[in-house]
């Protein structure tokens, strides 16, 4: 799964979309187990910038977000509770 930006996001954040950049595209990985989510988060975020640590969220999942050392944005999600 991937996520990009839309016009509403640009308007709310006073952001200008620039064709060809990856500033607003994120790769989302869904893990099946907590240990897998932790492993993915730790391995891919090495030397990167963590935007949200991997932690339990209000939607019943472990979730974390970061930009890796190459400038790629990632989101790691592991659903813990049935929605």
PDB file of N, CA and C in Angstrom:
ATOM      1  N   UNK A   1       0.845  -1.175   0.000  1.00  0.00           N
ATOM      2  CA  UNK A   1       0.000   0.000   0.000  1.00  0.00           C
ATOM      3  C   UNK A   1       0.883   1.227   0.000  1.00  0.00           C
ATOM      4  N   UNK A   2       0.462   2.257  -0.662  1.00  0.00           N
ATOM      5  CA  UNK A   2       1.183   3.530  -0.680  1.00  0.00           C
ATOM      6  C   UNK A   2       0.200   4.651  -0.403  1.00  0.00           C
ATOM      7  N   UNK A   3       0.699   5.773  -0.002  1.00  0.00           N
ATOM      8  CA  UNK A   3      -0.129   6.929   0.290  1.00  0.00           C
ATOM      9  C   UNK A   3       0.511   8.156  -0.349  1.00  0.00           C
ATOM     10  N   UNK A   4      -0.314   9.000  -0.954  1.00  0.00           N
ATOM     11  CA  UNK A   4       0.211  10.233  -1.517  1.00  0.00           C
ATOM     12  C   UNK A   4      -0.622  11.403  -1.004  1.00  0.00           C
ATOM     13  N   UNK A   5      -0.398  12.599  -1.538  1.00  0.00           N
ATOM     14  CA  UNK A   5      -1.141  13.757  -1.064  1.00  0.00           C
ATOM     15  C   UNK A   5      -2.258  14.094  -2.033  1.00  0.00           C
ATOM     16  N   UNK A   6      -3.179  14.909  -1.558  1.00  0.00           N
ATOM     17  CA  UNK A   6      -4.265  15.390  -2.412  1.00  0.00           C
ATOM     18  C   UNK A   6      -4.401  16.899  -2.242  1.00  0.00           C
ATOM     19  N   UNK A   7      -5.281  17.500  -3.018  1.00  0.00           N
ATOM     20  CA  UNK A   7      -5.464  18.954  -2.974  1.00  0.00           C
ATOM     21  C   UNK A   7      -5.886  19.446  -1.595  1.00  0.00           C
ATOM     22  N   UNK A   8      -6.745  18.689  -0.915  1.00  0.00           N
ATOM     23  CA  UNK A   8      -7.202  19.091   0.414  1.00  0.00           C
ATOM     24  C   UNK A   8      -6.035  19.140   1.403  1.00  0.00           C
ATOM     25  N   UNK A   9      -5.149  18.124   1.358  1.00  0.00           N
ATOM     26  CA  UNK A   9      -3.981  18.120   2.230  1.00  0.00           C
ATOM     27  C   UNK A   9      -3.094  19.326   1.945  1.00  0.00           C
ATOM     28  N   UNK A  10      -2.874  19.620   0.673  1.00  0.00           N
ATOM     29  CA  UNK A  10      -2.036  20.763   0.292  1.00  0.00           C
ATOM     30  C   UNK A  10      -2.622  22.056   0.843  1.00  0.00           C
ATOM     31  N   UNK A  11      -3.934  22.218   0.715  1.00  0.00           N
ATOM     32  CA  UNK A  11      -4.581  23.436   1.193  1.00  0.00           C
ATOM     33  C   UNK A  11      -4.483  23.560   2.714  1.00  0.00           C
ATOM     34  N   UNK A  12      -4.685  22.459   3.429  1.00  0.00           N
ATOM     35  CA  UNK A  12      -4.655  22.484   4.892  1.00  0.00           C
ATOM     36  C   UNK A  12      -3.257  22.721   5.438  1.00  0.00           C
ATOM     37  N   UNK A  13      -2.250  22.274   4.746  1.00  0.00           N
ATOM     38  CA  UNK A  13      -0.877  22.373   5.249  1.00  0.00           C
ATOM     39  C   UNK A  13      -0.069  23.452   4.539  1.00  0.00           C
ATOM     40  N   UNK A  14      -0.732  24.214   3.672  1.00  0.00           N
ATOM     41  CA  UNK A  14      -0.059  25.261   2.912  1.00  0.00           C
ATOM     42  C   UNK A  14       1.149  24.702   2.171  1.00  0.00           C
ATOM     43  N   UNK A  15       0.921  23.562   1.516  1.00  0.00           N
ATOM     44  CA  UNK A  15       1.967  22.841   0.803  1.00  0.00           C
ATOM     45  C   UNK A  15       1.735  22.946  -0.695  1.00  0.00           C
ATOM     46  N   UNK A  16       2.819  23.000  -1.433  1.00  0.00           N
ATOM     47  CA  UNK A  16       2.727  23.019  -2.887  1.00  0.00           C
ATOM     48  C   UNK A  16       3.240  21.683  -3.409  1.00  0.00           C
ATOM     49  N   UNK A  17       2.433  21.027  -4.247  1.00  0.00           N
ATOM     50  CA  UNK A  17       2.868  19.776  -4.840  1.00  0.00           C
ATOM     51  C   UNK A  17       3.862  20.066  -5.955  1.00  0.00           C
ATOM     52  N   UNK A  18       4.982  19.367  -5.944  1.00  0.00           N
ATOM     53  CA  UNK A  18       6.002  19.495  -6.982  1.00  0.00           C
ATOM     54  C   UNK A  18       6.140  18.149  -7.670  1.00  0.00           C
ATOM     55  N   UNK A  19       5.788  18.109  -8.948  1.00  0.00           N
ATOM     56  CA  UNK A  19       5.870  16.869  -9.701  1.00  0.00           C
ATOM     57  C   UNK A  19       7.309  16.338  -9.679  1.00  0.00           C
ATOM     58  N   UNK A  20       7.445  15.036  -9.396  1.00  0.00           N
ATOM     59  CA  UNK A  20       8.763  14.410  -9.418  1.00  0.00           C
ATOM     60  C   UNK A  20       9.421  14.256  -8.064  1.00  0.00           C
ATOM     61  N   UNK A  21       8.875  14.890  -7.022  1.00  0.00           N
ATOM     62  CA  UNK A  21       9.483  14.663  -5.709  1.00  0.00           C
ATOM     63  C   UNK A  21       8.706  13.589  -4.964  1.00  0.00           C
ATOM     64  N   UNK A  22       9.285  13.043  -3.938  1.00  0.00           N
ATOM     65  CA  UNK A  22       8.609  12.005  -3.171  1.00  0.00           C
ATOM     66  C   UNK A  22       8.311  12.462  -1.753  1.00  0.00           C
ATOM     67  N   UNK A  23       8.211  13.751  -1.537  1.00  0.00           N
ATOM     68  CA  UNK A  23       8.025  14.279  -0.193  1.00  0.00           C
ATOM     69  C   UNK A  23       6.711  13.862   0.432  1.00  0.00           C
ATOM     70  N   UNK A  24       5.724  13.540  -0.379  1.00  0.00           N
ATOM     71  CA  UNK A  24       4.416  13.224   0.166  1.00  0.00           C
ATOM     72  C   UNK A  24       3.925  11.854  -0.260  1.00  0.00           C
ATOM     73  N   UNK A  25       4.842  10.979  -0.549  1.00  0.00           N
ATOM     74  CA  UNK A  25       4.506   9.595  -0.851  1.00  0.00           C
ATOM     75  C   UNK A  25       5.128   8.726   0.242  1.00  0.00           C
ATOM     76  N   UNK A  26       4.342   7.852   0.818  1.00  0.00           N
ATOM     77  CA  UNK A  26       4.823   6.960   1.868  1.00  0.00           C
ATOM     78  C   UNK A  26       4.519   5.524   1.494  1.00  0.00           C
ATOM     79  N   UNK A  27       5.427   4.648   1.843  1.00  0.00           N
ATOM     80  CA  UNK A  27       5.204   3.214   1.668  1.00  0.00           C
ATOM     81  C   UNK A  27       4.709   2.671   2.999  1.00  0.00           C
ATOM     82  N   UNK A  28       3.593   1.957   2.964  1.00  0.00           N
ATOM     83  CA  UNK A  28       3.017   1.384   4.170  1.00  0.00           C
ATOM     84  C   UNK A  28       3.219  -0.125   4.172  1.00  0.00           C
ATOM     85  N   UNK A  29       3.792  -0.646   5.240  1.00  0.00           N
ATOM     86  CA  UNK A  29       3.939  -2.087   5.415  1.00  0.00           C
ATOM     87  C   UNK A  29       3.044  -2.531   6.558  1.00  0.00           C
ATOM     88  N   UNK A  30       2.227  -3.547   6.318  1.00  0.00           N
ATOM     89  CA  UNK A  30       1.361  -4.111   7.346  1.00  0.00           C
ATOM     90  C   UNK A  30       1.957  -5.411   7.843  1.00  0.00           C
ATOM     91  N   UNK A  31       2.339  -5.429   9.100  1.00  0.00           N
ATOM     92  CA  UNK A  31       2.910  -6.620   9.722  1.00  0.00           C
ATOM     93  C   UNK A  31       1.789  -7.443  10.366  1.00  0.00           C
ATOM     94  N   UNK A  32       2.004  -8.743  10.463  1.00  0.00           N
ATOM     95  CA  UNK A  32       1.014  -9.630  11.081  1.00  0.00           C
ATOM     96  C   UNK A  32       1.253  -9.826  12.574  1.00  0.00           C
ATOM     97  N   UNK A  33       2.469  -9.533  13.039  1.00  0.00           N
ATOM     98  CA  UNK A  33       2.814  -9.737  14.447  1.00  0.00           C
ATOM     99  C   UNK A  33       3.620  -8.547  14.959  1.00  0.00           C
ATOM    100  N   UNK A  34       3.533  -8.315  16.279  1.00  0.00           N
ATOM    101  CA  UNK A  34       4.259  -7.213  16.889  1.00  0.00           C
ATOM    102  C   UNK A  34       5.763  -7.310  16.640  1.00  0.00           C
ATOM    103  N   UNK A  35       6.303  -8.517  16.761  1.00  0.00           N
ATOM    104  CA  UNK A  35       7.756  -8.700  16.578  1.00  0.00           C
ATOM    105  C   UNK A  35       8.171  -8.349  15.149  1.00  0.00           C
ATOM    106  N   UNK A  36       7.335  -8.705  14.184  1.00  0.00           N
ATOM    107  CA  UNK A  36       7.635  -8.380  12.791  1.00  0.00           C
ATOM    108  C   UNK A  36       7.592  -6.863  12.568  1.00  0.00           C
ATOM    109  N   UNK A  37       6.602  -6.201  13.156  1.00  0.00           N
ATOM    110  CA  UNK A  37       6.504  -4.741  13.033  1.00  0.00           C
ATOM    111  C   UNK A  37       7.736  -4.072  13.633  1.00  0.00           C
ATOM    112  N   UNK A  38       8.142  -4.522  14.805  1.00  0.00           N
ATOM    113  CA  UNK A  38       9.324  -3.964  15.467  1.00  0.00           C
ATOM    114  C   UNK A  38      10.578  -4.180  14.627  1.00  0.00           C
ATOM    115  N   UNK A  39      10.742  -5.380  14.076  1.00  0.00           N
ATOM    116  CA  UNK A  39      11.911  -5.694  13.255  1.00  0.00           C
ATOM    117  C   UNK A  39      11.964  -4.806  12.014  1.00  0.00           C
ATOM    118  N   UNK A  40      10.834  -4.664  11.324  1.00  0.00           N
ATOM    119  CA  UNK A  40      10.774  -3.814  10.133  1.00  0.00           C
ATOM    120  C   UNK A  40      11.094  -2.367  10.476  1.00  0.00           C
ATOM    121  N   UNK A  41      10.480  -1.872  11.545  1.00  0.00           N
ATOM    122  CA  UNK A  41      10.687  -0.478  11.950  1.00  0.00           C
ATOM    123  C   UNK A  41      12.152  -0.220  12.274  1.00  0.00           C
ATOM    124  N   UNK A  42      12.741  -1.081  13.083  1.00  0.00           N
ATOM    125  CA  UNK A  42      14.139  -0.891  13.497  1.00  0.00           C
ATOM    126  C   UNK A  42      15.100  -0.997  12.319  1.00  0.00           C
ATOM    127  N   UNK A  43      14.887  -1.965  11.447  1.00  0.00           N
ATOM    128  CA  UNK A  43      15.812  -2.177  10.324  1.00  0.00           C
ATOM    129  C   UNK A  43      15.733  -1.060   9.294  1.00  0.00           C
ATOM    130  N   UNK A  44      14.527  -0.645   8.957  1.00  0.00           N
ATOM    131  CA  UNK A  44      14.374   0.345   7.894  1.00  0.00           C
ATOM    132  C   UNK A  44      14.640   1.780   8.350  1.00  0.00           C
ATOM    133  N   UNK A  45      14.534   2.046   9.632  1.00  0.00           N
ATOM    134  CA  UNK A  45      14.718   3.419  10.120  1.00  0.00           C
ATOM    135  C   UNK A  45      16.157   3.745  10.522  1.00  0.00           C
ATOM    136  N   UNK A  46      17.066   2.780  10.391  1.00  0.00           N
ATOM    137  CA  UNK A  46      18.473   3.020  10.753  1.00  0.00           C
ATOM    138  C   UNK A  46      18.999   4.244   9.997  1.00  0.00           C
ATOM    139  N   UNK A  47      19.587   5.174  10.718  1.00  0.00           N
ATOM    140  CA  UNK A  47      20.153   6.416  10.177  1.00  0.00           C
ATOM    141  C   UNK A  47      19.114   7.310   9.514  1.00  0.00           C
ATOM    142  N   UNK A  48      17.844   7.075   9.818  1.00  0.00           N
ATOM    143  CA  UNK A  48      16.775   7.900   9.266  1.00  0.00           C
ATOM    144  C   UNK A  48      16.228   8.848  10.325  1.00  0.00           C
ATOM    145  N   UNK A  49      15.091   9.451  10.007  1.00  0.00           N
ATOM    146  CA  UNK A  49      14.448  10.389  10.927  1.00  0.00           C
ATOM    147  C   UNK A  49      13.075   9.845  11.310  1.00  0.00           C
ATOM    148  N   UNK A  50      12.903   9.535  12.576  1.00  0.00           N
ATOM    149  CA  UNK A  50      11.640   8.988  13.067  1.00  0.00           C
ATOM    150  C   UNK A  50      10.665  10.137  13.286  1.00  0.00           C
ATOM    151  N   UNK A  51       9.512  10.032  12.644  1.00  0.00           N
ATOM    152  CA  UNK A  51       8.472  11.041  12.782  1.00  0.00           C
ATOM    153  C   UNK A  51       7.456  10.647  13.852  1.00  0.00           C
ATOM    154  N   UNK A  52       7.204   9.351  13.981  1.00  0.00           N
ATOM    155  CA  UNK A  52       6.338   8.823  15.044  1.00  0.00           C
ATOM    156  C   UNK A  52       6.888   7.473  15.449  1.00  0.00           C
ATOM    157  N   UNK A  53       7.275   7.327  16.719  1.00  0.00           N
ATOM    158  CA  UNK A  53       7.790   6.036  17.165  1.00  0.00           C
ATOM    159  C   UNK A  53       6.730   4.945  17.013  1.00  0.00           C
ATOM    160  N   UNK A  54       7.178   3.709  16.909  1.00  0.00           N
ATOM    161  CA  UNK A  54       6.257   2.578  16.824  1.00  0.00           C
ATOM    162  C   UNK A  54       5.580   2.427  18.183  1.00  0.00           C
ATOM    163  N   UNK A  55       4.278   2.712  18.220  1.00  0.00           N
ATOM    164  CA  UNK A  55       3.539   2.648  19.478  1.00  0.00           C
ATOM    165  C   UNK A  55       2.077   2.330  19.215  1.00  0.00           C
ATOM    166  N   UNK A  56       1.378   1.929  20.279  1.00  0.00           N
ATOM    167  CA  UNK A  56      -0.032   1.588  20.164  1.00  0.00           C
ATOM    168  C   UNK A  56      -0.830   2.856  19.876  1.00  0.00           C
ATOM    169  N   UNK A  57      -1.813   2.718  18.992  1.00  0.00           N
ATOM    170  CA  UNK A  57      -2.618   3.855  18.568  1.00  0.00           C
ATOM    171  C   UNK A  57      -4.066   3.717  19.007  1.00  0.00           C
ATOM    172  N   UNK A  58      -4.835   4.777  18.807  1.00  0.00           N
ATOM    173  CA  UNK A  58      -6.253   4.765  19.167  1.00  0.00           C
ATOM    174  C   UNK A  58      -7.066   3.824  18.284  1.00  0.00           C
ATOM    175  N   UNK A  59      -6.527   3.444  17.129  1.00  0.00           N
ATOM    176  CA  UNK A  59      -7.269   2.521  16.260  1.00  0.00           C
ATOM    177  C   UNK A  59      -6.887   1.057  16.516  1.00  0.00           C
ATOM    178  N   UNK A  60      -6.175   0.801  17.609  1.00  0.00           N
ATOM    179  CA  UNK A  60      -5.893  -0.565  18.031  1.00  0.00           C
ATOM    180  C   UNK A  60      -4.765  -1.242  17.283  1.00  0.00           C
ATOM    181  N   UNK A  61      -3.801  -0.467  16.842  1.00  0.00           N
ATOM    182  CA  UNK A  61      -2.667  -1.016  16.102  1.00  0.00           C
ATOM    183  C   UNK A  61      -1.362  -0.471  16.663  1.00  0.00           C
ATOM    184  N   UNK A  62      -0.269  -1.160  16.341  1.00  0.00           N
ATOM    185  CA  UNK A  62       1.057  -0.564  16.502  1.00  0.00           C
ATOM    186  C   UNK A  62       1.313   0.192  15.208  1.00  0.00           C
ATOM    187  N   UNK A  63       1.763   1.420  15.323  1.00  0.00           N
ATOM    188  CA  UNK A  63       1.993   2.230  14.135  1.00  0.00           C
ATOM    189  C   UNK A  63       3.205   3.116  14.382  1.00  0.00           C
ATOM    190  N   UNK A  64       4.010   3.277  13.359  1.00  0.00           N
ATOM    191  CA  UNK A  64       5.131   4.191  13.405  1.00  0.00           C
ATOM    192  C   UNK A  64       5.425   4.718  12.014  1.00  0.00           C
ATOM    193  N   UNK A  65       6.046   5.894  11.959  1.00  0.00           N
ATOM    194  CA  UNK A  65       6.366   6.514  10.671  1.00  0.00           C
ATOM    195  C   UNK A  65       7.765   7.117  10.744  1.00  0.00           C
ATOM    196  N   UNK A  66       8.478   7.041   9.621  1.00  0.00           N
ATOM    197  CA  UNK A  66       9.829   7.587   9.570  1.00  0.00           C
ATOM    198  C   UNK A  66      10.236   7.817   8.126  1.00  0.00           C
ATOM    199  N   UNK A  67      11.302   8.583   7.958  1.00  0.00           N
ATOM    200  CA  UNK A  67      11.945   8.756   6.661  1.00  0.00           C
ATOM    201  C   UNK A  67      13.285   8.054   6.761  1.00  0.00           C
ATOM    202  N   UNK A  68      13.560   7.147   5.829  1.00  0.00           N
ATOM    203  CA  UNK A  68      14.816   6.389   5.913  1.00  0.00           C
ATOM    204  C   UNK A  68      16.006   7.247   5.470  1.00  0.00           C
ATOM    205  N   UNK A  69      17.180   6.670   5.564  1.00  0.00           N
ATOM    206  CA  UNK A  69      18.411   7.401   5.259  1.00  0.00           C
ATOM    207  C   UNK A  69      18.514   7.834   3.797  1.00  0.00           C
ATOM    208  N   UNK A  70      17.645   7.312   2.941  1.00  0.00           N
ATOM    209  CA  UNK A  70      17.653   7.649   1.518  1.00  0.00           C
ATOM    210  C   UNK A  70      16.534   8.617   1.143  1.00  0.00           C
ATOM    211  N   UNK A  71      15.750   9.056   2.146  1.00  0.00           N
ATOM    212  CA  UNK A  71      14.678  10.013   1.896  1.00  0.00           C
ATOM    213  C   UNK A  71      13.334   9.392   1.575  1.00  0.00           C
ATOM    214  N   UNK A  72      13.213   8.070   1.717  1.00  0.00           N
ATOM    215  CA  UNK A  72      11.945   7.384   1.473  1.00  0.00           C
ATOM    216  C   UNK A  72      11.121   7.381   2.748  1.00  0.00           C
ATOM    217  N   UNK A  73       9.847   7.767   2.641  1.00  0.00           N
ATOM    218  CA  UNK A  73       8.955   7.790   3.802  1.00  0.00           C
ATOM    219  C   UNK A  73       8.285   6.417   3.949  1.00  0.00           C
ATOM    220  N   UNK A  74       8.218   5.948   5.193  1.00  0.00           N
ATOM    221  CA  UNK A  74       7.648   4.639   5.508  1.00  0.00           C
ATOM    222  C   UNK A  74       6.617   4.773   6.625  1.00  0.00           C
ATOM    223  N   UNK A  75       5.619   3.894   6.590  1.00  0.00           N
ATOM    224  CA  UNK A  75       4.661   3.728   7.678  1.00  0.00           C
ATOM    225  C   UNK A  75       4.602   2.226   7.960  1.00  0.00           C
ATOM    226  N   UNK A  76       4.741   1.866   9.229  1.00  0.00           N
ATOM    227  CA  UNK A  76       4.646   0.463   9.646  1.00  0.00           C
ATOM    228  C   UNK A  76       3.388   0.345  10.493  1.00  0.00           C
ATOM    229  N   UNK A  77       2.542  -0.619  10.167  1.00  0.00           N
ATOM    230  CA  UNK A  77       1.285  -0.810  10.874  1.00  0.00           C
ATOM    231  C   UNK A  77       1.120  -2.287  11.209  1.00  0.00           C
ATOM    232  N   UNK A  78       0.662  -2.564  12.425  1.00  0.00           N
ATOM    233  CA  UNK A  78       0.357  -3.936  12.843  1.00  0.00           C
ATOM    234  C   UNK A  78      -0.937  -3.881  13.635  1.00  0.00           C
ATOM    235  N   UNK A  79      -2.010  -4.374  13.057  1.00  0.00           N
ATOM    236  CA  UNK A  79      -3.308  -4.345  13.717  1.00  0.00           C
ATOM    237  C   UNK A  79      -3.302  -5.318  14.893  1.00  0.00           C
ATOM    238  N   UNK A  80      -3.579  -4.820  16.084  1.00  0.00           N
ATOM    239  CA  UNK A  80      -3.557  -5.653  17.298  1.00  0.00           C
ATOM    240  C   UNK A  80      -4.969  -6.075  17.718  1.00  0.00           C
ATOM    241  N   UNK A  81      -5.940  -5.214  17.479  1.00  0.00           N
ATOM    242  CA  UNK A  81      -7.299  -5.473  17.913  1.00  0.00           C
ATOM    243  C   UNK A  81      -8.231  -5.443  16.712  1.00  0.00           C
ATOM    244  N   UNK A  82      -9.302  -6.229  16.811  1.00  0.00           N
ATOM    245  CA  UNK A  82     -10.306  -6.217  15.741  1.00  0.00           C
ATOM    246  C   UNK A  82     -10.978  -4.851  15.698  1.00  0.00           C
ATOM    247  N   UNK A  83     -11.238  -4.400  14.492  1.00  0.00           N
ATOM    248  CA  UNK A  83     -11.867  -3.070  14.361  1.00  0.00           C
ATOM    249  C   UNK A  83     -13.360  -3.157  14.362  1.00  0.00           C
TER     250      UNK A  83
END
